Amino acid sequence: SLQIQHKKKKNTNESLMKKLHRVKNIISSSLNEQYSVKEL
């Protein structure tokens, strides 16, 4: 109950580590695209 209530109330910003892994995921999941560093 607490986790769901807390999620409703607050959306926290992504940390640097999460952003780095999200970039890694973007590259791995869309190999047919070649994104520039600026786009990422």
PDB file of all heavy atoms in Angstrom:
ATOM      1  N   SER A   1       0.824  -1.211   0.000  1.00  0.00           N
ATOM      2  CA  SER A   1       0.000   0.000   0.000  1.00  0.00           C
ATOM      3  C   SER A   1       0.856   1.259   0.000  1.00  0.00           C
ATOM      4  O   SER A   1       0.608   2.210  -0.753  1.00  0.00           O
ATOM      5  CB  SER A   1      -0.912  -0.014   1.239  1.00  0.00           C
ATOM      6  OG  SER A   1      -1.655   1.184   1.327  1.00  0.00           O
ATOM      7  N   LEU A   2       1.906   1.271   0.815  1.00  0.00           N
ATOM      8  CA  LEU A   2       2.782   2.444   0.908  1.00  0.00           C
ATOM      9  C   LEU A   2       3.475   2.761  -0.408  1.00  0.00           C
ATOM     10  O   LEU A   2       3.589   3.922  -0.806  1.00  0.00           O
ATOM     11  CB  LEU A   2       3.836   2.227   1.994  1.00  0.00           C
ATOM     12  CG  LEU A   2       3.457   2.573   3.426  1.00  0.00           C
ATOM     13  CD1 LEU A   2       4.549   2.116   4.370  1.00  0.00           C
ATOM     14  CD2 LEU A   2       3.224   4.074   3.563  1.00  0.00           C
ATOM     15  N   GLN A   3       3.981   1.714  -1.090  1.00  0.00           N
ATOM     16  CA  GLN A   3       4.724   1.957  -2.326  1.00  0.00           C
ATOM     17  C   GLN A   3       3.833   2.569  -3.394  1.00  0.00           C
ATOM     18  O   GLN A   3       4.243   3.468  -4.128  1.00  0.00           O
ATOM     19  CB  GLN A   3       5.350   0.654  -2.848  1.00  0.00           C
ATOM     20  CG  GLN A   3       6.331  -0.007  -1.907  1.00  0.00           C
ATOM     21  CD  GLN A   3       7.204   0.981  -1.150  1.00  0.00           C
ATOM     22  OE1 GLN A   3       7.936   1.775  -1.739  1.00  0.00           O
ATOM     23  NE2 GLN A   3       7.130   0.946   0.171  1.00  0.00           N
ATOM     24  N   ILE A   4       2.596   2.091  -3.486  1.00  0.00           N
ATOM     25  CA  ILE A   4       1.677   2.631  -4.484  1.00  0.00           C
ATOM     26  C   ILE A   4       1.285   4.064  -4.135  1.00  0.00           C
ATOM     27  O   ILE A   4       1.270   4.949  -4.989  1.00  0.00           O
ATOM     28  CB  ILE A   4       0.430   1.740  -4.605  1.00  0.00           C
ATOM     29  CG1 ILE A   4       0.841   0.365  -5.151  1.00  0.00           C
ATOM     30  CG2 ILE A   4      -0.609   2.378  -5.529  1.00  0.00           C
ATOM     31  CD1 ILE A   4      -0.262  -0.656  -5.161  1.00  0.00           C
ATOM     32  N   GLN A   5       0.980   4.320  -2.862  1.00  0.00           N
ATOM     33  CA  GLN A   5       0.631   5.677  -2.440  1.00  0.00           C
ATOM     34  C   GLN A   5       1.780   6.643  -2.689  1.00  0.00           C
ATOM     35  O   GLN A   5       1.580   7.765  -3.162  1.00  0.00           O
ATOM     36  CB  GLN A   5       0.269   5.679  -0.955  1.00  0.00           C
ATOM     37  CG  GLN A   5      -1.045   5.002  -0.622  1.00  0.00           C
ATOM     38  CD  GLN A   5      -1.306   4.983   0.870  1.00  0.00           C
ATOM     39  OE1 GLN A   5      -0.945   5.910   1.590  1.00  0.00           O
ATOM     40  NE2 GLN A   5      -1.910   3.914   1.350  1.00  0.00           N
ATOM     41  N   HIS A   6       2.991   6.214  -2.366  1.00  0.00           N
ATOM     42  CA  HIS A   6       4.167   7.070  -2.536  1.00  0.00           C
ATOM     43  C   HIS A   6       4.413   7.358  -4.013  1.00  0.00           C
ATOM     44  O   HIS A   6       4.793   8.459  -4.394  1.00  0.00           O
ATOM     45  CB  HIS A   6       5.375   6.397  -1.903  1.00  0.00           C
ATOM     46  CG  HIS A   6       6.572   7.292  -1.797  1.00  0.00           C
ATOM     47  ND1 HIS A   6       6.545   8.486  -1.123  1.00  0.00           N
ATOM     48  CD2 HIS A   6       7.842   7.167  -2.288  1.00  0.00           C
ATOM     49  CE1 HIS A   6       7.730   9.060  -1.189  1.00  0.00           C
ATOM     50  NE2 HIS A   6       8.528   8.279  -1.891  1.00  0.00           N
ATOM     51  N   LYS A   7       4.181   6.355  -4.858  1.00  0.00           N
ATOM     52  CA  LYS A   7       4.370   6.540  -6.298  1.00  0.00           C
ATOM     53  C   LYS A   7       3.364   7.541  -6.845  1.00  0.00           C
ATOM     54  O   LYS A   7       3.687   8.350  -7.710  1.00  0.00           O
ATOM     55  CB  LYS A   7       4.205   5.188  -7.013  1.00  0.00           C
ATOM     56  CG  LYS A   7       4.588   5.227  -8.488  1.00  0.00           C
ATOM     57  CD  LYS A   7       6.076   5.395  -8.669  1.00  0.00           C
ATOM     58  CE  LYS A   7       6.485   5.287 -10.130  1.00  0.00           C
ATOM     59  NZ  LYS A   7       7.931   5.438 -10.305  1.00  0.00           N
ATOM     60  N   LYS A   8       2.153   7.519  -6.318  1.00  0.00           N
ATOM     61  CA  LYS A   8       1.134   8.466  -6.756  1.00  0.00           C
ATOM     62  C   LYS A   8       1.517   9.906  -6.419  1.00  0.00           C
ATOM     63  O   LYS A   8       1.290  10.826  -7.202  1.00  0.00           O
ATOM     64  CB  LYS A   8      -0.202   8.157  -6.066  1.00  0.00           C
ATOM     65  CG  LYS A   8      -0.976   6.989  -6.642  1.00  0.00           C
ATOM     66  CD  LYS A   8      -2.298   6.868  -5.889  1.00  0.00           C
ATOM     67  CE  LYS A   8      -3.161   5.758  -6.462  1.00  0.00           C
ATOM     68  NZ  LYS A   8      -4.442   5.653  -5.731  1.00  0.00           N
ATOM     69  N   LYS A   9       2.090  10.076  -5.232  1.00  0.00           N
ATOM     70  CA  LYS A   9       2.358  11.422  -4.729  1.00  0.00           C
ATOM     71  C   LYS A   9       3.595  12.054  -5.327  1.00  0.00           C
ATOM     72  O   LYS A   9       3.689  13.249  -5.495  1.00  0.00           O
ATOM     73  CB  LYS A   9       2.535  11.373  -3.200  1.00  0.00           C
ATOM     74  CG  LYS A   9       1.253  11.064  -2.453  1.00  0.00           C
ATOM     75  CD  LYS A   9       1.543  10.989  -0.964  1.00  0.00           C
ATOM     76  CE  LYS A   9       0.289  10.623  -0.175  1.00  0.00           C
ATOM     77  NZ  LYS A   9       0.568  10.479   1.267  1.00  0.00           N
ATOM     78  N   LYS A  10       4.582  11.216  -5.675  1.00  0.00           N
ATOM     79  CA  LYS A  10       5.899  11.789  -5.989  1.00  0.00           C
ATOM     80  C   LYS A  10       6.552  11.072  -7.145  1.00  0.00           C
ATOM     81  O   LYS A  10       6.692   9.865  -7.137  1.00  0.00           O
ATOM     82  CB  LYS A  10       6.789  11.683  -4.746  1.00  0.00           C
ATOM     83  CG  LYS A  10       8.133  12.377  -4.885  1.00  0.00           C
ATOM     84  CD  LYS A  10       8.896  12.287  -3.578  1.00  0.00           C
ATOM     85  CE  LYS A  10      10.258  12.959  -3.665  1.00  0.00           C
ATOM     86  NZ  LYS A  10      11.020  12.874  -2.417  1.00  0.00           N
ATOM     87  N   ASN A  11       6.932  11.832  -8.159  1.00  0.00           N
ATOM     88  CA  ASN A  11       7.733  11.290  -9.260  1.00  0.00           C
ATOM     89  C   ASN A  11       9.141  11.850  -9.150  1.00  0.00           C
ATOM     90  O   ASN A  11       9.377  13.026  -9.381  1.00  0.00           O
ATOM     91  CB  ASN A  11       7.129  11.686 -10.617  1.00  0.00           C
ATOM     92  CG  ASN A  11       5.814  10.970 -10.868  1.00  0.00           C
ATOM     93  OD1 ASN A  11       5.705   9.783 -10.614  1.00  0.00           O
ATOM     94  ND2 ASN A  11       4.820  11.702 -11.352  1.00  0.00           N
ATOM     95  N   THR A  12      10.065  11.041  -8.738  1.00  0.00           N
ATOM     96  CA  THR A  12      11.433  11.518  -8.520  1.00  0.00           C
ATOM     97  C   THR A  12      12.195  11.607  -9.831  1.00  0.00           C
ATOM     98  O   THR A  12      11.915  10.893 -10.789  1.00  0.00           O
ATOM     99  CB  THR A  12      12.181  10.569  -7.577  1.00  0.00           C
ATOM    100  OG1 THR A  12      12.120   9.243  -8.115  1.00  0.00           O
ATOM    101  CG2 THR A  12      11.527  10.559  -6.209  1.00  0.00           C
ATOM    102  N   ASN A  13      13.167  12.489  -9.888  1.00  0.00           N
ATOM    103  CA  ASN A  13      13.998  12.617 -11.072  1.00  0.00           C
ATOM    104  C   ASN A  13      14.933  11.429 -11.205  1.00  0.00           C
ATOM    105  O   ASN A  13      15.376  10.864 -10.211  1.00  0.00           O
ATOM    106  CB  ASN A  13      14.829  13.917 -10.987  1.00  0.00           C
ATOM    107  CG  ASN A  13      13.955  15.149 -11.050  1.00  0.00           C
ATOM    108  OD1 ASN A  13      12.952  15.165 -11.749  1.00  0.00           O
ATOM    109  ND2 ASN A  13      14.348  16.181 -10.317  1.00  0.00           N
ATOM    110  N   GLU A  14      15.250  11.086 -12.436  1.00  0.00           N
ATOM    111  CA  GLU A  14      16.181   9.989 -12.681  1.00  0.00           C
ATOM    112  C   GLU A  14      17.582  10.368 -12.228  1.00  0.00           C
ATOM    113  O   GLU A  14      18.032  11.488 -12.429  1.00  0.00           O
ATOM    114  CB  GLU A  14      16.238   9.669 -14.178  1.00  0.00           C
ATOM    115  CG  GLU A  14      15.184   8.713 -14.652  1.00  0.00           C
ATOM    116  CD  GLU A  14      15.470   8.257 -16.067  1.00  0.00           C
ATOM    117  OE1 GLU A  14      15.818   9.112 -16.908  1.00  0.00           O
ATOM    118  OE2 GLU A  14      15.341   7.060 -16.337  1.00  0.00           O
ATOM    119  N   SER A  15      18.270   9.429 -11.626  1.00  0.00           N
ATOM    120  CA  SER A  15      19.659   9.652 -11.248  1.00  0.00           C
ATOM    121  C   SER A  15      20.548   9.531 -12.482  1.00  0.00           C
ATOM    122  O   SER A  15      20.114   9.054 -13.542  1.00  0.00           O
ATOM    123  CB  SER A  15      20.091   8.613 -10.210  1.00  0.00           C
ATOM    124  OG  SER A  15      20.130   7.329 -10.804  1.00  0.00           O
ATOM    125  N   LEU A  16      21.793   9.943 -12.323  1.00  0.00           N
ATOM    126  CA  LEU A  16      22.755   9.829 -13.420  1.00  0.00           C
ATOM    127  C   LEU A  16      22.916   8.376 -13.857  1.00  0.00           C
ATOM    128  O   LEU A  16      22.921   8.073 -15.056  1.00  0.00           O
ATOM    129  CB  LEU A  16      24.107  10.399 -12.978  1.00  0.00           C
ATOM    130  CG  LEU A  16      25.277  10.211 -13.955  1.00  0.00           C
ATOM    131  CD1 LEU A  16      24.993  10.903 -15.280  1.00  0.00           C
ATOM    132  CD2 LEU A  16      26.579  10.724 -13.342  1.00  0.00           C
ATOM    133  N   MET A  17      23.031   7.456 -12.889  1.00  0.00           N
ATOM    134  CA  MET A  17      23.219   6.043 -13.226  1.00  0.00           C
ATOM    135  C   MET A  17      22.044   5.503 -14.029  1.00  0.00           C
ATOM    136  O   MET A  17      22.211   4.762 -15.000  1.00  0.00           O
ATOM    137  CB  MET A  17      23.408   5.228 -11.949  1.00  0.00           C
ATOM    138  CG  MET A  17      23.701   3.755 -12.190  1.00  0.00           C
ATOM    139  SD  MET A  17      25.276   3.452 -13.033  1.00  0.00           S
ATOM    140  CE  MET A  17      26.436   3.801 -11.711  1.00  0.00           C
ATOM    141  N   LYS A  18      20.829   5.895 -13.659  1.00  0.00           N
ATOM    142  CA  LYS A  18      19.653   5.437 -14.392  1.00  0.00           C
ATOM    143  C   LYS A  18      19.655   5.979 -15.821  1.00  0.00           C
ATOM    144  O   LYS A  18      19.277   5.294 -16.773  1.00  0.00           O
ATOM    145  CB  LYS A  18      18.383   5.855 -13.661  1.00  0.00           C
ATOM    146  CG  LYS A  18      18.119   5.081 -12.389  1.00  0.00           C
ATOM    147  CD  LYS A  18      16.779   5.471 -11.785  1.00  0.00           C
ATOM    148  CE  LYS A  18      16.547   4.759 -10.463  1.00  0.00           C
ATOM    149  NZ  LYS A  18      16.384   3.317 -10.613  1.00  0.00           N
ATOM    150  N   LYS A  19      20.072   7.214 -15.972  1.00  0.00           N
ATOM    151  CA  LYS A  19      20.122   7.806 -17.316  1.00  0.00           C
ATOM    152  C   LYS A  19      21.149   7.101 -18.194  1.00  0.00           C
ATOM    153  O   LYS A  19      20.909   6.864 -19.387  1.00  0.00           O
ATOM    154  CB  LYS A  19      20.442   9.301 -17.218  1.00  0.00           C
ATOM    155  CG  LYS A  19      19.302  10.124 -16.646  1.00  0.00           C
ATOM    156  CD  LYS A  19      19.624  11.608 -16.642  1.00  0.00           C
ATOM    157  CE  LYS A  19      18.443  12.411 -16.117  1.00  0.00           C
ATOM    158  NZ  LYS A  19      18.681  13.873 -16.186  1.00  0.00           N
ATOM    159  N   LEU A  20      22.284   6.743 -17.608  1.00  0.00           N
ATOM    160  CA  LEU A  20      23.316   6.033 -18.371  1.00  0.00           C
ATOM    161  C   LEU A  20      22.813   4.675 -18.841  1.00  0.00           C
ATOM    162  O   LEU A  20      23.019   4.270 -19.985  1.00  0.00           O
ATOM    163  CB  LEU A  20      24.580   5.868 -17.528  1.00  0.00           C
ATOM    164  CG  LEU A  20      25.309   7.151 -17.150  1.00  0.00           C
ATOM    165  CD1 LEU A  20      26.464   6.837 -16.205  1.00  0.00           C
ATOM    166  CD2 LEU A  20      25.836   7.878 -18.384  1.00  0.00           C
ATOM    167  N   HIS A  21      22.126   3.961 -17.955  1.00  0.00           N
ATOM    168  CA  HIS A  21      21.585   2.659 -18.336  1.00  0.00           C
ATOM    169  C   HIS A  21      20.449   2.814 -19.343  1.00  0.00           C
ATOM    170  O   HIS A  21      20.249   1.948 -20.189  1.00  0.00           O
ATOM    171  CB  HIS A  21      21.115   1.893 -17.104  1.00  0.00           C
ATOM    172  CG  HIS A  21      22.226   1.163 -16.407  1.00  0.00           C
ATOM    173  ND1 HIS A  21      22.551  -0.140 -16.687  1.00  0.00           N
ATOM    174  CD2 HIS A  21      23.095   1.569 -15.456  1.00  0.00           C
ATOM    175  CE1 HIS A  21      23.568  -0.514 -15.935  1.00  0.00           C
ATOM    176  NE2 HIS A  21      23.925   0.501 -15.175  1.00  0.00           N
ATOM    177  N   ARG A  22      19.712   3.925 -19.257  1.00  0.00           N
ATOM    178  CA  ARG A  22      18.646   4.141 -20.236  1.00  0.00           C
ATOM    179  C   ARG A  22      19.245   4.380 -21.619  1.00  0.00           C
ATOM    180  O   ARG A  22      18.725   3.887 -22.625  1.00  0.00           O
ATOM    181  CB  ARG A  22      17.761   5.322 -19.815  1.00  0.00           C
ATOM    182  CG  ARG A  22      16.523   5.469 -20.689  1.00  0.00           C
ATOM    183  CD  ARG A  22      15.345   5.948 -19.871  1.00  0.00           C
ATOM    184  NE  ARG A  22      15.474   7.311 -19.450  1.00  0.00           N
ATOM    185  CZ  ARG A  22      15.030   8.358 -20.158  1.00  0.00           C
ATOM    186  NH1 ARG A  22      14.455   8.174 -21.330  1.00  0.00           N
ATOM    187  NH2 ARG A  22      15.169   9.574 -19.689  1.00  0.00           N
ATOM    188  N   VAL A  23      20.357   5.104 -21.694  1.00  0.00           N
ATOM    189  CA  VAL A  23      21.046   5.285 -22.972  1.00  0.00           C
ATOM    190  C   VAL A  23      21.514   3.937 -23.514  1.00  0.00           C
ATOM    191  O   VAL A  23      21.348   3.632 -24.697  1.00  0.00           O
ATOM    192  CB  VAL A  23      22.251   6.248 -22.806  1.00  0.00           C
ATOM    193  CG1 VAL A  23      23.165   6.196 -24.037  1.00  0.00           C
ATOM    194  CG2 VAL A  23      21.762   7.679 -22.589  1.00  0.00           C
ATOM    195  N   LYS A  24      22.088   3.122 -22.644  1.00  0.00           N
ATOM    196  CA  LYS A  24      22.534   1.785 -23.040  1.00  0.00           C
ATOM    197  C   LYS A  24      21.362   0.967 -23.582  1.00  0.00           C
ATOM    198  O   LYS A  24      21.478   0.285 -24.608  1.00  0.00           O
ATOM    199  CB  LYS A  24      23.166   1.090 -21.832  1.00  0.00           C
ATOM    200  CG  LYS A  24      23.721  -0.297 -22.089  1.00  0.00           C
ATOM    201  CD  LYS A  24      24.475  -0.763 -20.848  1.00  0.00           C
ATOM    202  CE  LYS A  24      24.965  -2.196 -20.988  1.00  0.00           C
ATOM    203  NZ  LYS A  24      23.907  -3.168 -20.714  1.00  0.00           N
ATOM    204  N   ASN A  25      20.211   1.051 -22.917  1.00  0.00           N
ATOM    205  CA  ASN A  25      19.023   0.323 -23.366  1.00  0.00           C
ATOM    206  C   ASN A  25      18.519   0.831 -24.708  1.00  0.00           C
ATOM    207  O   ASN A  25      18.089   0.053 -25.560  1.00  0.00           O
ATOM    208  CB  ASN A  25      17.907   0.454 -22.327  1.00  0.00           C
ATOM    209  CG  ASN A  25      18.213  -0.285 -21.042  1.00  0.00           C
ATOM    210  OD1 ASN A  25      18.995  -1.226 -21.038  1.00  0.00           O
ATOM    211  ND2 ASN A  25      17.625   0.138 -19.949  1.00  0.00           N
ATOM    212  N   ILE A  26      18.557   2.160 -24.898  1.00  0.00           N
ATOM    213  CA  ILE A  26      18.102   2.757 -26.163  1.00  0.00           C
ATOM    214  C   ILE A  26      18.940   2.227 -27.321  1.00  0.00           C
ATOM    215  O   ILE A  26      18.422   1.831 -28.368  1.00  0.00           O
ATOM    216  CB  ILE A  26      18.179   4.303 -26.102  1.00  0.00           C
ATOM    217  CG1 ILE A  26      17.109   4.850 -25.160  1.00  0.00           C
ATOM    218  CG2 ILE A  26      18.003   4.900 -27.505  1.00  0.00           C
ATOM    219  CD1 ILE A  26      17.268   6.326 -24.835  1.00  0.00           C
ATOM    220  N   ILE A  27      20.259   2.202 -27.125  1.00  0.00           N
ATOM    221  CA  ILE A  27      21.158   1.718 -28.189  1.00  0.00           C
ATOM    222  C   ILE A  27      20.899   0.247 -28.481  1.00  0.00           C
ATOM    223  O   ILE A  27      20.735  -0.161 -29.632  1.00  0.00           O
ATOM    224  CB  ILE A  27      22.634   1.931 -27.780  1.00  0.00           C
ATOM    225  CG1 ILE A  27      22.941   3.423 -27.652  1.00  0.00           C
ATOM    226  CG2 ILE A  27      23.573   1.292 -28.812  1.00  0.00           C
ATOM    227  CD1 ILE A  27      24.289   3.720 -27.022  1.00  0.00           C
ATOM    228  N   SER A  28      20.826  -0.571 -27.423  1.00  0.00           N
ATOM    229  CA  SER A  28      20.682  -2.018 -27.595  1.00  0.00           C
ATOM    230  C   SER A  28      19.351  -2.416 -28.218  1.00  0.00           C
ATOM    231  O   SER A  28      19.266  -3.402 -28.942  1.00  0.00           O
ATOM    232  CB  SER A  28      20.822  -2.730 -26.242  1.00  0.00           C
ATOM    233  OG  SER A  28      22.106  -2.515 -25.715  1.00  0.00           O
ATOM    234  N   SER A  29      18.299  -1.646 -27.913  1.00  0.00           N
ATOM    235  CA  SER A  29      16.968  -2.019 -28.384  1.00  0.00           C
ATOM    236  C   SER A  29      16.596  -1.399 -29.727  1.00  0.00           C
ATOM    237  O   SER A  29      15.530  -1.677 -30.265  1.00  0.00           O
ATOM    238  CB  SER A  29      15.915  -1.623 -27.339  1.00  0.00           C
ATOM    239  OG  SER A  29      15.917  -0.223 -27.138  1.00  0.00           O
ATOM    240  N   SER A  30      17.455  -0.566 -30.280  1.00  0.00           N
ATOM    241  CA  SER A  30      17.147   0.055 -31.584  1.00  0.00           C
ATOM    242  C   SER A  30      18.405   0.103 -32.446  1.00  0.00           C
ATOM    243  O   SER A  30      18.870   1.170 -32.833  1.00  0.00           O
ATOM    244  CB  SER A  30      16.574   1.460 -31.384  1.00  0.00           C
ATOM    245  OG  SER A  30      17.424   2.240 -30.557  1.00  0.00           O
ATOM    246  N   LEU A  31      18.956  -1.072 -32.727  1.00  0.00           N
ATOM    247  CA  LEU A  31      20.213  -1.163 -33.477  1.00  0.00           C
ATOM    248  C   LEU A  31      20.067  -0.733 -34.928  1.00  0.00           C
ATOM    249  O   LEU A  31      21.060  -0.470 -35.608  1.00  0.00           O
ATOM    250  CB  LEU A  31      20.757  -2.590 -33.406  1.00  0.00           C
ATOM    251  CG  LEU A  31      21.180  -3.067 -32.007  1.00  0.00           C
ATOM    252  CD1 LEU A  31      21.612  -4.517 -32.052  1.00  0.00           C
ATOM    253  CD2 LEU A  31      22.292  -2.193 -31.445  1.00  0.00           C
ATOM    254  N   ASN A  32      18.833  -0.673 -35.414  1.00  0.00           N
ATOM    255  CA  ASN A  32      18.623  -0.210 -36.788  1.00  0.00           C
ATOM    256  C   ASN A  32      18.752   1.307 -36.902  1.00  0.00           C
ATOM    257  O   ASN A  32      18.767   1.856 -38.001  1.00  0.00           O
ATOM    258  CB  ASN A  32      17.248  -0.644 -37.300  1.00  0.00           C
ATOM    259  CG  ASN A  32      16.119  -0.100 -36.451  1.00  0.00           C
ATOM    260  OD1 ASN A  32      16.221  -0.043 -35.229  1.00  0.00           O
ATOM    261  ND2 ASN A  32      15.032   0.309 -37.078  1.00  0.00           N
ATOM    262  N   GLU A  33      18.851   1.979 -35.766  1.00  0.00           N
ATOM    263  CA  GLU A  33      19.053   3.432 -35.741  1.00  0.00           C
ATOM    264  C   GLU A  33      20.454   3.732 -35.207  1.00  0.00           C
ATOM    265  O   GLU A  33      20.935   3.056 -34.313  1.00  0.00           O
ATOM    266  CB  GLU A  33      18.025   4.096 -34.828  1.00  0.00           C
ATOM    267  CG  GLU A  33      16.584   3.909 -35.248  1.00  0.00           C
ATOM    268  CD  GLU A  33      16.204   4.756 -36.443  1.00  0.00           C
ATOM    269  OE1 GLU A  33      16.931   5.730 -36.741  1.00  0.00           O
ATOM    270  OE2 GLU A  33      15.180   4.440 -37.084  1.00  0.00           O
ATOM    271  N   GLN A  34      21.073   4.753 -35.758  1.00  0.00           N
ATOM    272  CA  GLN A  34      22.382   5.171 -35.240  1.00  0.00           C
ATOM    273  C   GLN A  34      22.241   6.584 -34.678  1.00  0.00           C
ATOM    274  O   GLN A  34      22.321   7.571 -35.404  1.00  0.00           O
ATOM    275  CB  GLN A  34      23.446   5.113 -36.342  1.00  0.00           C
ATOM    276  CG  GLN A  34      23.722   3.709 -36.843  1.00  0.00           C
ATOM    277  CD  GLN A  34      25.183   3.507 -37.235  1.00  0.00           C
ATOM    278  OE1 GLN A  34      26.083   4.143 -36.709  1.00  0.00           O
ATOM    279  NE2 GLN A  34      25.416   2.587 -38.166  1.00  0.00           N
ATOM    280  N   TYR A  35      22.007   6.645 -33.376  1.00  0.00           N
ATOM    281  CA  TYR A  35      21.808   7.935 -32.730  1.00  0.00           C
ATOM    282  C   TYR A  35      23.145   8.618 -32.460  1.00  0.00           C
ATOM    283  O   TYR A  35      24.116   7.980 -32.074  1.00  0.00           O
ATOM    284  CB  TYR A  35      21.080   7.755 -31.395  1.00  0.00           C
ATOM    285  CG  TYR A  35      19.664   7.255 -31.514  1.00  0.00           C
ATOM    286  CD1 TYR A  35      19.332   5.955 -31.130  1.00  0.00           C
ATOM    287  CD2 TYR A  35      18.655   8.083 -31.999  1.00  0.00           C
ATOM    288  CE1 TYR A  35      18.021   5.491 -31.224  1.00  0.00           C
ATOM    289  CE2 TYR A  35      17.351   7.634 -32.098  1.00  0.00           C
ATOM    290  CZ  TYR A  35      17.044   6.339 -31.717  1.00  0.00           C
ATOM    291  OH  TYR A  35      15.748   5.882 -31.808  1.00  0.00           O
ATOM    292  N   SER A  36      23.146   9.924 -32.624  1.00  0.00           N
ATOM    293  CA  SER A  36      24.324  10.697 -32.254  1.00  0.00           C
ATOM    294  C   SER A  36      24.316  10.909 -30.747  1.00  0.00           C
ATOM    295  O   SER A  36      23.286  10.738 -30.074  1.00  0.00           O
ATOM    296  CB  SER A  36      24.313  12.060 -32.956  1.00  0.00           C
ATOM    297  OG  SER A  36      23.252  12.865 -32.468  1.00  0.00           O
ATOM    298  N   VAL A  37      25.467  11.287 -30.196  1.00  0.00           N
ATOM    299  CA  VAL A  37      25.549  11.564 -28.760  1.00  0.00           C
ATOM    300  C   VAL A  37      24.594  12.697 -28.396  1.00  0.00           C
ATOM    301  O   VAL A  37      23.932  12.660 -27.349  1.00  0.00           O
ATOM    302  CB  VAL A  37      26.995  11.934 -28.357  1.00  0.00           C
ATOM    303  CG1 VAL A  37      27.049  12.399 -26.906  1.00  0.00           C
ATOM    304  CG2 VAL A  37      27.930  10.745 -28.565  1.00  0.00           C
ATOM    305  N   LYS A  38      24.485  13.673 -29.279  1.00  0.00           N
ATOM    306  CA  LYS A  38      23.590  14.808 -29.016  1.00  0.00           C
ATOM    307  C   LYS A  38      22.140  14.348 -28.924  1.00  0.00           C
ATOM    308  O   LYS A  38      21.377  14.787 -28.054  1.00  0.00           O
ATOM    309  CB  LYS A  38      23.748  15.842 -30.124  1.00  0.00           C
ATOM    310  CG  LYS A  38      23.222  17.217 -29.760  1.00  0.00           C
ATOM    311  CD  LYS A  38      23.735  18.263 -30.730  1.00  0.00           C
ATOM    312  CE  LYS A  38      23.388  19.652 -30.228  1.00  0.00           C
ATOM    313  NZ  LYS A  38      23.922  20.699 -31.112  1.00  0.00           N
ATOM    314  N   GLU A  39      21.731  13.452 -29.827  1.00  0.00           N
ATOM    315  CA  GLU A  39      20.362  12.934 -29.803  1.00  0.00           C
ATOM    316  C   GLU A  39      20.098  12.139 -28.534  1.00  0.00           C
ATOM    317  O   GLU A  39      19.031  12.263 -27.923  1.00  0.00           O
ATOM    318  CB  GLU A  39      20.115  12.062 -31.036  1.00  0.00           C
ATOM    319  CG  GLU A  39      20.019  12.840 -32.337  1.00  0.00           C
ATOM    320  CD  GLU A  39      19.977  11.938 -33.564  1.00  0.00           C
ATOM    321  OE1 GLU A  39      20.654  10.880 -33.550  1.00  0.00           O
ATOM    322  OE2 GLU A  39      19.282  12.294 -34.533  1.00  0.00           O
ATOM    323  N   LEU A  40      21.067  11.313 -28.128  1.00  0.00           N
ATOM    324  CA  LEU A  40      20.913  10.526 -26.908  1.00  0.00           C
ATOM    325  C   LEU A  40      20.855  11.437 -25.683  1.00  0.00           C
ATOM    326  O   LEU A  40      20.082  11.186 -24.742  1.00  0.00           O
ATOM    327  CB  LEU A  40      22.064   9.534 -26.774  1.00  0.00           C
ATOM    328  CG  LEU A  40      22.085   8.398 -27.799  1.00  0.00           C
ATOM    329  CD1 LEU A  40      23.416   7.657 -27.745  1.00  0.00           C
ATOM    330  CD2 LEU A  40      20.934   7.425 -27.558  1.00  0.00           C
TER     331      LEU A  40
END
